[in-house]
Amino acid sequence: MKSETENRSGWGGARPGAGRRKGSGRYGEPTQVMRVPASKVEMVRRFLDRLYAREAVEVTARAHPAPEAAAFPFYAASVAAGFPSPAEDYEEPALDLNEHLVQHREATFFVRAQGHSMTGAGIHDGDLLVVDRALDARDGDIVIAVVDGALTVKRLRREGSRTWLQAENPDYADIVPGEGQQLELWGVVTAVIHQYR
């Protein structure tokens, strides 16, 4: 039997294939309705955003921890970017990339960049970023940040009480947190590994 509303509007009732598929929402799994005090809704939403953003980052981070020491031959002669120099080859003690790229081994992770918003800073789509979570982010640092549950790499800008994330490509807008918007700094980018082939 139809309800009064259904009789009046001609709408209502379950339709096969209608609605969102289970597990297709922002949390990637089925959800359930829960009663929360109205004054705490934003707090719970921010908590869930941070929780899921942290889990996504931790999965990426565990997949690419800073490697153990690995030494490679190192030649003292500089490589000219203009005309070649007839400098003699002279091999110095082996070079360990960790000594040059990693300051805090337990807090350093590799994250792969995605997108083109930081090309002006030399960060291209697919580059590996060396991220140190032990460093305090300062104005001008390139950082990995969590904004409303999504990861991004941008240049941190601070001016007085204002904090925003600056893109290094004029085709992309800066991220200026609005009221109630959550911005969390996850780590400081200390180096970029860009491959040519």
C-alpha atoms as a PDB file:
ATOM      1  CA  MET A   1       0.000   0.000   0.000  1.00  0.00           C
ATOM      2  CA  LYS A   2       1.357   3.421  -0.960  1.00  0.00           C
ATOM      3  CA  SER A   3       1.849   6.179   1.602  1.00  0.00           C
ATOM      4  CA  GLU A   4       0.047   9.515   1.305  1.00  0.00           C
ATOM      5  CA  THR A   5       3.237  11.177   0.034  1.00  0.00           C
ATOM      6  CA  GLU A   6       3.734   8.536  -2.659  1.00  0.00           C
ATOM      7  CA  ASN A   7       0.101   8.869  -3.782  1.00  0.00           C
ATOM      8  CA  ARG A   8       0.389  12.645  -4.032  1.00  0.00           C
ATOM      9  CA  SER A   9       3.759  12.883  -5.802  1.00  0.00           C
ATOM     10  CA  GLY A  10       3.972   9.664  -7.774  1.00  0.00           C
ATOM     11  CA  TRP A  11       7.497   9.207  -6.323  1.00  0.00           C
ATOM     12  CA  GLY A  12       8.893   7.017  -3.586  1.00  0.00           C
ATOM     13  CA  GLY A  13       9.763   3.453  -2.838  1.00  0.00           C
ATOM     14  CA  ALA A  14      12.890   1.466  -3.557  1.00  0.00           C
ATOM     15  CA  ARG A  15      14.078   1.285  -7.171  1.00  0.00           C
ATOM     16  CA  PRO A  16      16.468  -1.435  -8.381  1.00  0.00           C
ATOM     17  CA  GLY A  17      20.002  -0.084  -8.946  1.00  0.00           C
ATOM     18  CA  ALA A  18      19.191   3.290  -7.342  1.00  0.00           C
ATOM     19  CA  GLY A  19      21.387   4.957  -4.760  1.00  0.00           C
ATOM     20  CA  ARG A  20      25.076   4.798  -4.037  1.00  0.00           C
ATOM     21  CA  ARG A  21      26.856   1.429  -4.204  1.00  0.00           C
ATOM     22  CA  LYS A  22      27.952   0.093  -0.812  1.00  0.00           C
ATOM     23  CA  GLY A  23      31.546   0.982  -0.040  1.00  0.00           C
ATOM     24  CA  SER A  24      31.763   3.647  -2.778  1.00  0.00           C
ATOM     25  CA  GLY A  25      31.700   6.628  -0.396  1.00  0.00           C
ATOM     26  CA  ARG A  26      34.653   8.600   0.952  1.00  0.00           C
ATOM     27  CA  TYR A  27      35.566   5.896   3.503  1.00  0.00           C
ATOM     28  CA  GLY A  28      35.668   3.020   1.019  1.00  0.00           C
ATOM     29  CA  GLU A  29      33.499   0.719   3.112  1.00  0.00           C
ATOM     30  CA  PRO A  30      29.836   0.414   4.155  1.00  0.00           C
ATOM     31  CA  THR A  31      28.709   2.976   6.729  1.00  0.00           C
ATOM     32  CA  GLN A  32      25.937   3.073   9.288  1.00  0.00           C
ATOM     33  CA  VAL A  33      23.815   5.798  10.806  1.00  0.00           C
ATOM     34  CA  MET A  34      24.887   6.954  14.274  1.00  0.00           C
ATOM     35  CA  ARG A  35      23.434   9.569  16.590  1.00  0.00           C
ATOM     36  CA  VAL A  36      25.926  12.282  17.558  1.00  0.00           C
ATOM     37  CA  PRO A  37      25.176  15.436  19.543  1.00  0.00           C
ATOM     38  CA  ALA A  38      24.670  18.281  17.062  1.00  0.00           C
ATOM     39  CA  SER A  39      27.413  20.330  18.730  1.00  0.00           C
ATOM     40  CA  LYS A  40      29.941  17.493  18.147  1.00  0.00           C
ATOM     41  CA  VAL A  41      29.208  16.662  14.475  1.00  0.00           C
ATOM     42  CA  GLU A  42      32.072  18.827  13.104  1.00  0.00           C
ATOM     43  CA  MET A  43      34.494  17.431  15.672  1.00  0.00           C
ATOM     44  CA  VAL A  44      33.647  13.823  14.723  1.00  0.00           C
ATOM     45  CA  ARG A  45      33.897  14.657  11.004  1.00  0.00           C
ATOM     46  CA  ARG A  46      37.352  16.243  11.483  1.00  0.00           C
ATOM     47  CA  PHE A  47      38.483  13.260  13.548  1.00  0.00           C
ATOM     48  CA  LEU A  48      37.434  10.816  10.799  1.00  0.00           C
ATOM     49  CA  ASP A  49      39.088  12.940   8.106  1.00  0.00           C
ATOM     50  CA  ARG A  50      42.371  12.984  10.051  1.00  0.00           C
ATOM     51  CA  LEU A  51      42.140   9.269  10.850  1.00  0.00           C
ATOM     52  CA  TYR A  52      41.586   8.205   7.243  1.00  0.00           C
ATOM     53  CA  ALA A  53      44.172  10.666   5.882  1.00  0.00           C
ATOM     54  CA  ARG A  54      46.748   9.361   8.386  1.00  0.00           C
ATOM     55  CA  GLU A  55      45.985   5.740   7.471  1.00  0.00           C
ATOM     56  CA  ALA A  56      46.407   6.501   3.760  1.00  0.00           C
ATOM     57  CA  VAL A  57      49.710   8.248   4.431  1.00  0.00           C
ATOM     58  CA  GLU A  58      50.989   5.498   6.715  1.00  0.00           C
ATOM     59  CA  VAL A  59      50.280   2.845   4.068  1.00  0.00           C
ATOM     60  CA  THR A  60      52.250   4.871   1.511  1.00  0.00           C
ATOM     61  CA  ALA A  61      54.996   5.594   4.018  1.00  0.00           C
ATOM     62  CA  ARG A  62      55.433   1.971   5.075  1.00  0.00           C
ATOM     63  CA  ALA A  63      55.792   1.008   1.444  1.00  0.00           C
ATOM     64  CA  HIS A  64      58.747   3.371   0.977  1.00  0.00           C
ATOM     65  CA  PRO A  65      60.821   3.750   4.174  1.00  0.00           C
ATOM     66  CA  ALA A  66      64.294   5.249   4.014  1.00  0.00           C
ATOM     67  CA  PRO A  67      66.640   2.506   2.773  1.00  0.00           C
ATOM     68  CA  GLU A  68      69.593   0.963   4.544  1.00  0.00           C
ATOM     69  CA  ALA A  69      73.016   2.384   3.709  1.00  0.00           C
ATOM     70  CA  ALA A  70      74.025   1.790   0.094  1.00  0.00           C
ATOM     71  CA  ALA A  71      77.403   3.038  -1.141  1.00  0.00           C
ATOM     72  CA  PHE A  72      78.187   3.991  -4.747  1.00  0.00           C
ATOM     73  CA  PRO A  73      81.470   5.021  -6.408  1.00  0.00           C
ATOM     74  CA  PHE A  74      82.024   8.787  -6.190  1.00  0.00           C
ATOM     75  CA  TYR A  75      84.320  10.769  -8.474  1.00  0.00           C
ATOM     76  CA  ALA A  76      85.708  14.044  -7.148  1.00  0.00           C
ATOM     77  CA  ALA A  77      85.752  15.783 -10.522  1.00  0.00           C
ATOM     78  CA  SER A  78      82.794  18.102 -11.086  1.00  0.00           C
ATOM     79  CA  VAL A  79      80.735  17.697 -14.246  1.00  0.00           C
ATOM     80  CA  ALA A  80      80.657  20.837 -16.391  1.00  0.00           C
ATOM     81  CA  ALA A  81      77.216  21.869 -17.584  1.00  0.00           C
ATOM     82  CA  GLY A  82      78.810  23.931 -20.376  1.00  0.00           C
ATOM     83  CA  PHE A  83      81.937  22.758 -22.181  1.00  0.00           C
ATOM     84  CA  PRO A  84      83.584  19.516 -21.032  1.00  0.00           C
ATOM     85  CA  SER A  85      86.725  19.751 -18.910  1.00  0.00           C
ATOM     86  CA  PRO A  86      89.696  17.393 -19.344  1.00  0.00           C
ATOM     87  CA  ALA A  87      89.809  16.777 -15.557  1.00  0.00           C
ATOM     88  CA  GLU A  88      91.328  13.497 -14.453  1.00  0.00           C
ATOM     89  CA  ASP A  89      89.074  10.837 -13.005  1.00  0.00           C
ATOM     90  CA  TYR A  90      89.781  10.549  -9.301  1.00  0.00           C
ATOM     91  CA  GLU A  91      87.704   8.176  -7.190  1.00  0.00           C
ATOM     92  CA  GLU A  92      87.003   9.241  -3.608  1.00  0.00           C
ATOM     93  CA  PRO A  93      85.627   6.954  -0.889  1.00  0.00           C
ATOM     94  CA  ALA A  94      82.197   5.533  -1.748  1.00  0.00           C
ATOM     95  CA  LEU A  95      79.206   7.844  -1.530  1.00  0.00           C
ATOM     96  CA  ASP A  96      76.211   6.818   0.604  1.00  0.00           C
ATOM     97  CA  LEU A  97      73.082   8.608  -0.644  1.00  0.00           C
ATOM     98  CA  ASN A  98      71.483   8.274   2.798  1.00  0.00           C
ATOM     99  CA  GLU A  99      74.142  10.604   4.209  1.00  0.00           C
ATOM    100  CA  HIS A 100      73.067  13.275   1.734  1.00  0.00           C
ATOM    101  CA  LEU A 101      69.308  12.695   1.557  1.00  0.00           C
ATOM    102  CA  VAL A 102      68.274  11.432   5.019  1.00  0.00           C
ATOM    103  CA  GLN A 103      68.685  13.421   8.235  1.00  0.00           C
ATOM    104  CA  HIS A 104      66.351  11.430  10.516  1.00  0.00           C
ATOM    105  CA  ARG A 105      66.204   7.824   9.344  1.00  0.00           C
ATOM    106  CA  GLU A 106      63.256   6.687  11.504  1.00  0.00           C
ATOM    107  CA  ALA A 107      61.154   9.694  10.468  1.00  0.00           C
ATOM    108  CA  THR A 108      62.034   9.813   6.753  1.00  0.00           C
ATOM    109  CA  PHE A 109      59.821   8.376   4.018  1.00  0.00           C
ATOM    110  CA  PHE A 110      59.596   8.429   0.249  1.00  0.00           C
ATOM    111  CA  VAL A 111      56.341   9.624  -1.326  1.00  0.00           C
ATOM    112  CA  ARG A 112      55.600   9.791  -5.056  1.00  0.00           C
ATOM    113  CA  ALA A 113      54.340  13.139  -6.366  1.00  0.00           C
ATOM    114  CA  GLN A 114      51.221  13.224  -8.503  1.00  0.00           C
ATOM    115  CA  GLY A 115      50.131  16.141 -10.657  1.00  0.00           C
ATOM    116  CA  HIS A 116      51.716  19.328 -12.001  1.00  0.00           C
ATOM    117  CA  SER A 117      51.043  22.013  -9.372  1.00  0.00           C
ATOM    118  CA  MET A 118      54.702  22.139  -8.210  1.00  0.00           C
ATOM    119  CA  THR A 119      56.639  22.138 -11.494  1.00  0.00           C
ATOM    120  CA  GLY A 120      58.034  25.609 -10.723  1.00  0.00           C
ATOM    121  CA  ALA A 121      59.805  24.092  -7.706  1.00  0.00           C
ATOM    122  CA  GLY A 122      61.257  21.271  -9.808  1.00  0.00           C
ATOM    123  CA  ILE A 123      58.705  18.673  -8.663  1.00  0.00           C
ATOM    124  CA  HIS A 124      57.153  16.795 -11.577  1.00  0.00           C
ATOM    125  CA  ASP A 125      54.466  14.135 -11.844  1.00  0.00           C
ATOM    126  CA  GLY A 126      55.971  10.803 -10.725  1.00  0.00           C
ATOM    127  CA  ASP A 127      59.000  12.240  -8.892  1.00  0.00           C
ATOM    128  CA  LEU A 128      60.028  10.681  -5.590  1.00  0.00           C
ATOM    129  CA  LEU A 129      59.942  13.079  -2.656  1.00  0.00           C
ATOM    130  CA  VAL A 130      62.122  12.567   0.418  1.00  0.00           C
ATOM    131  CA  VAL A 131      59.923  13.587   3.368  1.00  0.00           C
ATOM    132  CA  ASP A 132      61.221  14.163   6.913  1.00  0.00           C
ATOM    133  CA  ARG A 133      58.513  14.115   9.578  1.00  0.00           C
ATOM    134  CA  ALA A 134      60.929  15.102  12.363  1.00  0.00           C
ATOM    135  CA  LEU A 135      61.504  18.620  10.995  1.00  0.00           C
ATOM    136  CA  ASP A 136      59.416  21.606  12.045  1.00  0.00           C
ATOM    137  CA  ALA A 137      57.897  23.203   8.954  1.00  0.00           C
ATOM    138  CA  ARG A 138      58.918  26.808   8.358  1.00  0.00           C
ATOM    139  CA  ASP A 139      57.648  29.492   6.003  1.00  0.00           C
ATOM    140  CA  GLY A 140      58.948  28.701   2.517  1.00  0.00           C
ATOM    141  CA  ASP A 141      59.420  24.962   3.099  1.00  0.00           C
ATOM    142  CA  ILE A 142      57.857  22.513   0.668  1.00  0.00           C
ATOM    143  CA  VAL A 143      55.573  20.293   2.722  1.00  0.00           C
ATOM    144  CA  ILE A 144      53.250  17.338   2.521  1.00  0.00           C
ATOM    145  CA  ALA A 145      49.959  18.496   4.009  1.00  0.00           C
ATOM    146  CA  VAL A 146      46.582  16.937   4.697  1.00  0.00           C
ATOM    147  CA  VAL A 147      43.722  19.241   3.703  1.00  0.00           C
ATOM    148  CA  ASP A 148      40.234  17.965   4.505  1.00  0.00           C
ATOM    149  CA  GLY A 149      41.470  14.389   4.368  1.00  0.00           C
ATOM    150  CA  ALA A 150      43.398  14.702   1.077  1.00  0.00           C
ATOM    151  CA  LEU A 151      47.196  14.705   0.708  1.00  0.00           C
ATOM    152  CA  THR A 152      48.926  17.474  -1.213  1.00  0.00           C
ATOM    153  CA  VAL A 153      52.453  18.786  -1.743  1.00  0.00           C
ATOM    154  CA  LYS A 154      52.787  22.588  -1.710  1.00  0.00           C
ATOM    155  CA  ARG A 155      55.027  25.389  -0.428  1.00  0.00           C
ATOM    156  CA  LEU A 156      54.095  26.455   3.099  1.00  0.00           C
ATOM    157  CA  ARG A 157      53.435  30.166   3.566  1.00  0.00           C
ATOM    158  CA  ARG A 158      52.999  31.923   6.910  1.00  0.00           C
ATOM    159  CA  GLU A 159      52.377  35.604   7.436  1.00  0.00           C
ATOM    160  CA  GLY A 160      51.336  36.706  10.912  1.00  0.00           C
ATOM    161  CA  SER A 161      48.414  34.489  11.921  1.00  0.00           C
ATOM    162  CA  ARG A 162      47.720  33.460   8.297  1.00  0.00           C
ATOM    163  CA  THR A 163      48.854  30.078   6.940  1.00  0.00           C
ATOM    164  CA  TRP A 164      48.294  28.872   3.387  1.00  0.00           C
ATOM    165  CA  LEU A 165      49.730  26.459   0.819  1.00  0.00           C
ATOM    166  CA  GLN A 166      51.234  27.956  -2.318  1.00  0.00           C
ATOM    167  CA  ALA A 167      51.239  26.195  -5.678  1.00  0.00           C
ATOM    168  CA  GLU A 168      54.361  26.557  -7.846  1.00  0.00           C
ATOM    169  CA  ASN A 169      52.501  26.607 -11.145  1.00  0.00           C
ATOM    170  CA  PRO A 170      50.373  29.594 -12.262  1.00  0.00           C
ATOM    171  CA  ASP A 171      47.712  27.212 -13.621  1.00  0.00           C
ATOM    172  CA  TYR A 172      46.920  26.045 -10.067  1.00  0.00           C
ATOM    173  CA  ALA A 173      45.363  27.993  -7.207  1.00  0.00           C
ATOM    174  CA  ASP A 174      46.885  28.315  -3.750  1.00  0.00           C
ATOM    175  CA  ILE A 175      45.095  26.520  -0.923  1.00  0.00           C
ATOM    176  CA  VAL A 176      43.863  29.024   1.644  1.00  0.00           C
ATOM    177  CA  PRO A 177      42.043  27.189   4.459  1.00  0.00           C
ATOM    178  CA  GLY A 178      38.547  28.504   5.036  1.00  0.00           C
ATOM    179  CA  GLU A 179      36.635  28.552   8.291  1.00  0.00           C
ATOM    180  CA  GLY A 180      36.263  25.036   9.680  1.00  0.00           C
ATOM    181  CA  GLN A 181      38.660  23.612   7.081  1.00  0.00           C
ATOM    182  CA  GLN A 182      41.309  21.302   8.513  1.00  0.00           C
ATOM    183  CA  LEU A 183      44.964  21.690   7.456  1.00  0.00           C
ATOM    184  CA  GLU A 184      47.555  19.363   8.977  1.00  0.00           C
ATOM    185  CA  LEU A 185      51.270  19.373   8.152  1.00  0.00           C
ATOM    186  CA  TRP A 186      52.542  15.812   7.705  1.00  0.00           C
ATOM    187  CA  GLY A 187      56.203  16.347   6.843  1.00  0.00           C
ATOM    188  CA  VAL A 188      58.825  18.539   5.163  1.00  0.00           C
ATOM    189  CA  VAL A 189      60.118  17.662   1.697  1.00  0.00           C
ATOM    190  CA  THR A 190      63.930  17.727   1.891  1.00  0.00           C
ATOM    191  CA  ALA A 191      64.843  16.389  -1.564  1.00  0.00           C
ATOM    192  CA  VAL A 192      63.349  15.409  -4.917  1.00  0.00           C
ATOM    193  CA  ILE A 193      64.466  12.462  -7.026  1.00  0.00           C
ATOM    194  CA  HIS A 194      63.692  13.107 -10.678  1.00  0.00           C
ATOM    195  CA  GLN A 195      64.475  10.384 -13.213  1.00  0.00           C
ATOM    196  CA  TYR A 196      65.164  11.017 -16.890  1.00  0.00           C
ATOM    197  CA  ARG A 197      64.897   7.422 -18.090  1.00  0.00           C
END
